[in-house]
Amino acid sequence: MSISLLKRLWGLLGCALAVAALGMSAPAFSASDTLRVATEGTYPPWSFKDASGQLQGFDVDVANALCAQMKVKCQIVAQAWDGIIPGLQANRYDAIVASMSMTPARRKQVLFTNKYKDTTSSFIVAKDSGIKDVSPAGLKGKRIGVQRGSSQHQWLTANGYDSAATLVLYDDTRQPELDLVAGRVDAIIGNKATFYSDFFKRPESGDFTFVGPELKGGVLGDGNAIAVRLDNTDLWNRLNAALAAIIANGTYDRIRKKYFPFQLM
């Protein structure tokens, strides 16, 4: 073997070892690392602030469980819904754990992990409203309350409700419920599990009911998942592994039972 060929082989071996070393030294979380997570904070029981101002809720518990599984510190912040994706893209936090539906439009903006729950949407009306048909024709001339920028808002627009009815937009999910009770809107639409575990637990909800079919898929998305930046495949992989682990070891189900007597997926 010539000396020049031997040098070339050693050079190739050196490159291979360097590549292997880089792979072994890929960024890994340590106990001193912090995962910055955004949630909404005004969406009980998924995320809300308690009397002391601390964030609580299903999404908050899931985020903390993921951080514990990944052995990192969790820094969870509340972010208004209409700015939650721009905040991620601007690197103000690393991930969104906020019951975000995986819609086609959002898939172009963020990278979603595997889902951690399903979402079904539904309309609510007053029992004495006479409303049985919640198609655009059935709600013609009515006022429909919905959270601004939500997947339900997108669904209403995509299906022509904005031409038949008046869409009344809100920055959170609680205000449309209050306006429905006060008679300022004729119907509201949102996450059925949320309505079940929050709105229908309150005394004033007795005069109201779900109406129409359960809605899911398409613009409403394929379930809820954690969002990271499109180029952050390392964190995406780590979150998927942590999510699979907390589902397998029962942590996820313990969190679910704390808030809901039924399965979420």
Protein backbone atom coordinates (compact mmCIF):
# COMPACT_ATOMS: atom_id res chain seq x y z
CA MET A 1 0.00 0.00 0.00
CA SER A 2 1.43 3.37 -0.99
CA ILE A 3 2.07 6.05 1.61
CA SER A 4 -0.31 8.43 -0.17
CA LEU A 5 -3.11 5.85 -0.14
CA LEU A 6 -2.44 5.12 3.53
CA LYS A 7 -2.70 8.83 4.34
CA ARG A 8 -6.01 9.05 2.46
CA LEU A 9 -7.39 6.08 4.40
CA TRP A 10 -6.31 7.58 7.71
CA GLY A 11 -7.90 10.86 6.65
CA LEU A 12 -11.21 9.14 5.87
CA LEU A 13 -11.08 7.29 9.18
CA GLY A 14 -10.47 10.56 10.98
CA CYS A 15 -13.49 12.15 9.29
CA ALA A 16 -15.65 9.16 10.24
CA LEU A 17 -14.53 9.38 13.86
CA ALA A 18 -15.22 13.12 13.89
CA VAL A 19 -18.74 12.59 12.55
CA ALA A 20 -19.36 9.87 15.15
CA ALA A 21 -18.10 12.17 17.89
CA LEU A 22 -20.42 14.92 16.75
CA GLY A 23 -23.34 12.50 16.83
CA MET A 24 -22.43 11.36 20.33
CA SER A 25 -22.11 14.94 21.52
CA ALA A 26 -25.44 16.13 20.07
CA PRO A 27 -27.15 18.63 22.37
CA ALA A 28 -28.52 16.78 25.38
CA PHE A 29 -30.60 18.16 28.20
CA SER A 30 -29.04 18.19 31.62
CA ALA A 31 -30.52 18.97 35.02
CA SER A 32 -29.37 22.55 34.63
CA ASP A 33 -31.23 23.06 31.34
CA THR A 34 -34.59 24.79 31.12
CA LEU A 35 -37.40 24.02 28.69
CA ARG A 36 -39.40 27.19 28.03
CA VAL A 37 -43.06 26.34 27.49
CA ALA A 38 -45.97 28.57 26.51
CA THR A 39 -49.58 27.84 27.40
CA GLU A 40 -52.67 30.02 27.18
CA GLY A 41 -53.53 30.52 30.84
CA THR A 42 -57.17 31.52 30.30
CA TYR A 43 -58.57 28.17 29.19
CA PRO A 44 -59.77 26.08 32.16
CA PRO A 45 -59.39 23.21 32.80
CA TRP A 46 -56.53 23.03 30.30
CA SER A 47 -54.61 26.05 31.62
CA PHE A 48 -55.58 28.82 34.03
CA LYS A 49 -54.26 30.87 36.93
CA ASP A 50 -55.28 30.02 40.48
CA ALA A 51 -56.04 32.54 43.23
CA SER A 52 -52.34 33.07 43.83
CA GLY A 53 -51.62 33.71 40.16
CA GLN A 54 -49.93 30.36 39.55
CA LEU A 55 -50.57 28.50 36.30
CA GLN A 56 -52.57 25.30 36.75
CA GLY A 57 -54.45 22.85 34.57
CA PHE A 58 -54.15 19.74 32.42
CA ASP A 59 -51.70 21.25 29.93
CA VAL A 60 -49.56 22.66 32.73
CA ASP A 61 -49.43 19.25 34.43
CA VAL A 62 -48.53 17.56 31.13
CA ALA A 63 -45.76 20.10 30.49
CA ASN A 64 -44.32 19.56 33.97
CA ALA A 65 -44.48 15.77 33.53
CA LEU A 66 -42.63 16.01 30.22
CA CYS A 67 -39.94 18.18 31.80
CA ALA A 68 -39.57 15.71 34.67
CA GLN A 69 -39.25 12.83 32.21
CA MET A 70 -36.62 14.77 30.23
CA LYS A 71 -34.87 15.77 33.49
CA VAL A 72 -34.98 19.49 32.73
CA LYS A 73 -36.42 22.50 34.51
CA CYS A 74 -39.78 23.74 33.28
CA GLN A 75 -40.43 27.44 32.74
CA ILE A 76 -44.09 27.85 31.82
CA VAL A 77 -45.48 31.20 30.71
CA ALA A 78 -48.97 32.37 29.78
CA GLN A 79 -49.33 33.75 26.27
CA ALA A 80 -52.43 35.19 24.58
CA TRP A 81 -53.68 32.79 21.93
CA ASP A 82 -53.40 35.07 18.91
CA GLY A 83 -49.69 35.60 19.61
CA ILE A 84 -48.73 32.11 20.71
CA ILE A 85 -47.29 30.86 17.40
CA PRO A 86 -45.51 34.15 16.59
CA GLY A 87 -43.93 33.98 20.05
CA LEU A 88 -42.60 30.50 19.33
CA GLN A 89 -41.24 31.60 15.98
CA ALA A 90 -39.56 34.58 17.66
CA ASN A 91 -37.78 32.18 20.07
CA ARG A 92 -39.46 33.57 23.18
CA TYR A 93 -40.06 29.96 24.25
CA ASP A 94 -39.19 26.49 22.98
CA ALA A 95 -42.53 24.70 22.86
CA ILE A 96 -46.27 25.26 23.06
CA VAL A 97 -48.35 22.99 25.30
CA ALA A 98 -51.77 24.59 24.95
CA SER A 99 -54.27 22.07 23.57
CA MET A 100 -53.34 23.23 20.08
CA SER A 101 -55.18 21.43 17.29
CA MET A 102 -53.05 20.12 14.44
CA THR A 103 -54.70 21.97 11.58
CA PRO A 104 -53.36 22.06 8.01
CA ALA A 105 -52.61 25.79 8.31
CA ARG A 106 -50.67 25.39 11.57
CA ARG A 107 -48.63 22.50 10.17
CA LYS A 108 -47.06 25.01 7.80
CA GLN A 109 -45.97 27.17 10.76
CA VAL A 110 -44.89 24.71 13.45
CA LEU A 111 -43.68 21.14 13.89
CA PHE A 112 -46.17 19.04 15.87
CA THR A 113 -45.27 16.10 18.09
CA ASN A 114 -47.43 13.02 18.28
CA LYS A 115 -50.87 13.93 19.63
CA TYR A 116 -51.59 13.85 23.34
CA LYS A 117 -55.36 14.11 23.09
CA ASP A 118 -58.24 14.26 20.65
CA THR A 119 -60.52 17.24 20.19
CA THR A 120 -64.24 17.25 19.48
CA SER A 121 -66.07 20.54 18.98
CA SER A 122 -69.74 21.32 19.55
CA PHE A 123 -72.28 24.12 19.63
CA ILE A 124 -74.13 25.17 22.80
CA VAL A 125 -77.44 27.03 22.81
CA ALA A 126 -80.15 27.85 25.34
CA LYS A 127 -82.63 25.02 25.79
CA ASP A 128 -85.53 27.34 25.00
CA SER A 129 -83.86 28.93 21.95
CA GLY A 130 -85.60 26.66 19.48
CA ILE A 131 -82.30 26.14 17.67
CA LYS A 132 -81.98 22.56 16.43
CA ASP A 133 -80.21 23.12 13.11
CA VAL A 134 -76.67 24.45 13.48
CA SER A 135 -75.87 24.56 9.77
CA PRO A 136 -75.16 28.02 8.28
CA ALA A 137 -78.78 28.13 7.08
CA GLY A 138 -80.08 27.09 10.51
CA LEU A 139 -78.08 29.84 12.23
CA LYS A 140 -78.79 32.51 9.62
CA GLY A 141 -79.08 35.91 11.29
CA LYS A 142 -77.88 34.55 14.66
CA ARG A 143 -74.89 35.70 16.71
CA ILE A 144 -72.26 33.01 17.25
CA GLY A 145 -69.59 33.45 19.91
CA VAL A 146 -66.15 31.94 19.32
CA GLN A 147 -62.55 32.50 20.38
CA ARG A 148 -60.62 34.57 17.88
CA GLY A 149 -58.08 32.56 15.87
CA SER A 150 -59.20 29.22 17.28
CA SER A 151 -59.69 26.18 15.05
CA GLN A 152 -63.45 26.59 15.61
CA HIS A 153 -63.21 30.17 14.31
CA GLN A 154 -61.40 28.86 11.22
CA TRP A 155 -64.02 26.14 10.79
CA LEU A 156 -66.90 28.63 10.94
CA THR A 157 -65.25 30.81 8.31
CA ALA A 158 -64.36 27.86 6.07
CA ASN A 159 -67.97 26.69 6.14
CA GLY A 160 -69.60 30.02 5.36
CA TYR A 161 -71.02 30.90 8.78
CA ASP A 162 -69.51 34.38 8.55
CA SER A 163 -71.81 35.09 5.58
CA ALA A 164 -74.98 33.68 7.14
CA ALA A 165 -74.54 34.73 10.77
CA THR A 166 -72.61 37.30 12.82
CA LEU A 167 -69.43 35.90 14.33
CA VAL A 168 -68.68 37.55 17.69
CA LEU A 169 -64.97 37.11 18.41
CA TYR A 170 -63.31 36.93 21.82
CA ASP A 171 -59.74 36.75 23.04
CA ASP A 172 -60.44 33.87 25.44
CA THR A 173 -62.93 31.04 25.90
CA ARG A 174 -64.70 32.22 29.04
CA GLN A 175 -66.21 35.45 27.67
CA PRO A 176 -68.36 33.77 24.98
CA GLU A 177 -69.84 31.55 27.69
CA LEU A 178 -70.68 34.58 29.81
CA ASP A 179 -72.27 36.32 26.84
CA LEU A 180 -74.32 33.23 26.01
CA VAL A 181 -75.70 33.18 29.56
CA ALA A 182 -76.40 36.92 29.32
CA GLY A 183 -78.21 36.50 25.99
CA ARG A 184 -75.74 38.58 24.02
CA VAL A 185 -75.03 35.70 21.62
CA ASP A 186 -77.36 32.94 20.42
CA ALA A 187 -74.83 30.12 20.23
CA ILE A 188 -71.22 29.37 21.03
CA ILE A 189 -68.84 26.77 19.65
CA GLY A 190 -65.78 25.27 21.27
CA ASN A 191 -64.05 22.20 22.68
CA LYS A 192 -66.69 19.77 23.96
CA ALA A 193 -64.49 18.36 26.75
CA THR A 194 -63.79 21.91 27.94
CA PHE A 195 -67.49 22.75 28.03
CA TYR A 196 -68.24 19.50 29.85
CA SER A 197 -65.63 19.97 32.57
CA ASP A 198 -66.03 23.71 33.10
CA PHE A 199 -69.13 25.44 31.72
CA PHE A 200 -71.54 22.59 32.51
CA LYS A 201 -70.22 22.36 36.07
CA ARG A 202 -71.49 25.87 36.83
CA PRO A 203 -75.01 26.58 38.20
CA GLU A 204 -75.91 28.97 35.38
CA SER A 205 -75.38 26.28 32.72
CA GLY A 206 -78.59 24.42 33.59
CA ASP A 207 -80.59 26.27 30.95
CA PHE A 208 -78.18 25.38 28.15
CA THR A 209 -77.43 22.29 26.08
CA PHE A 210 -75.23 20.85 23.35
CA VAL A 211 -76.89 20.90 19.95
CA GLY A 212 -75.98 19.41 16.59
CA PRO A 213 -73.34 16.83 15.67
CA GLU A 214 -69.90 16.44 17.18
CA LEU A 215 -67.37 18.11 14.90
CA LYS A 216 -63.77 17.08 14.25
CA GLY A 217 -61.17 16.63 11.53
CA GLY A 218 -60.33 18.84 8.58
CA VAL A 219 -59.91 22.46 9.57
CA LEU A 220 -60.62 21.45 13.18
CA GLY A 221 -57.46 19.38 13.15
CA ASP A 222 -56.33 15.86 13.90
CA GLY A 223 -56.10 16.08 17.67
CA ASN A 224 -53.94 18.20 19.95
CA ALA A 225 -50.15 18.12 20.04
CA ILE A 226 -47.13 20.03 21.28
CA ALA A 227 -45.69 22.57 18.86
CA VAL A 228 -42.02 23.40 18.34
CA ARG A 229 -40.23 25.44 15.69
CA LEU A 230 -40.08 23.80 12.26
CA ASP A 231 -36.30 23.35 12.40
CA ASN A 232 -36.14 22.05 15.98
CA THR A 233 -36.21 18.34 15.19
CA ASP A 234 -33.96 17.52 18.16
CA LEU A 235 -36.50 18.85 20.67
CA TRP A 236 -39.30 17.27 18.63
CA ASN A 237 -37.68 13.85 18.99
CA ARG A 238 -37.04 14.33 22.72
CA LEU A 239 -40.62 15.45 23.38
CA ASN A 240 -42.05 12.51 21.45
CA ALA A 241 -39.90 10.12 23.48
CA ALA A 242 -40.94 11.79 26.75
CA LEU A 243 -44.61 11.77 25.74
CA ALA A 244 -44.47 8.06 24.91
CA ALA A 245 -42.81 7.42 28.28
CA ILE A 246 -45.39 9.27 30.41
CA ILE A 247 -48.19 7.50 28.56
CA ALA A 248 -46.54 4.10 29.09
CA ASN A 249 -45.71 4.61 32.78
CA GLY A 250 -49.21 5.84 33.73
CA THR A 251 -48.32 9.46 34.47
CA TYR A 252 -50.46 10.76 31.62
CA ASP A 253 -53.50 8.80 32.78
CA ARG A 254 -53.11 10.03 36.36
CA ILE A 255 -53.15 13.59 35.05
CA ARG A 256 -56.17 12.87 32.86
CA LYS A 257 -58.17 11.39 35.77
CA LYS A 258 -57.49 14.52 37.82
CA TYR A 259 -59.58 16.54 35.36
CA PHE A 260 -61.77 14.16 33.33
CA PRO A 261 -63.73 10.97 34.08
CA PHE A 262 -63.42 9.90 30.41
CA GLN A 263 -60.60 9.09 28.00
CA LEU A 264 -59.13 11.88 25.88
CA MET A 265 -57.74 9.63 23.16
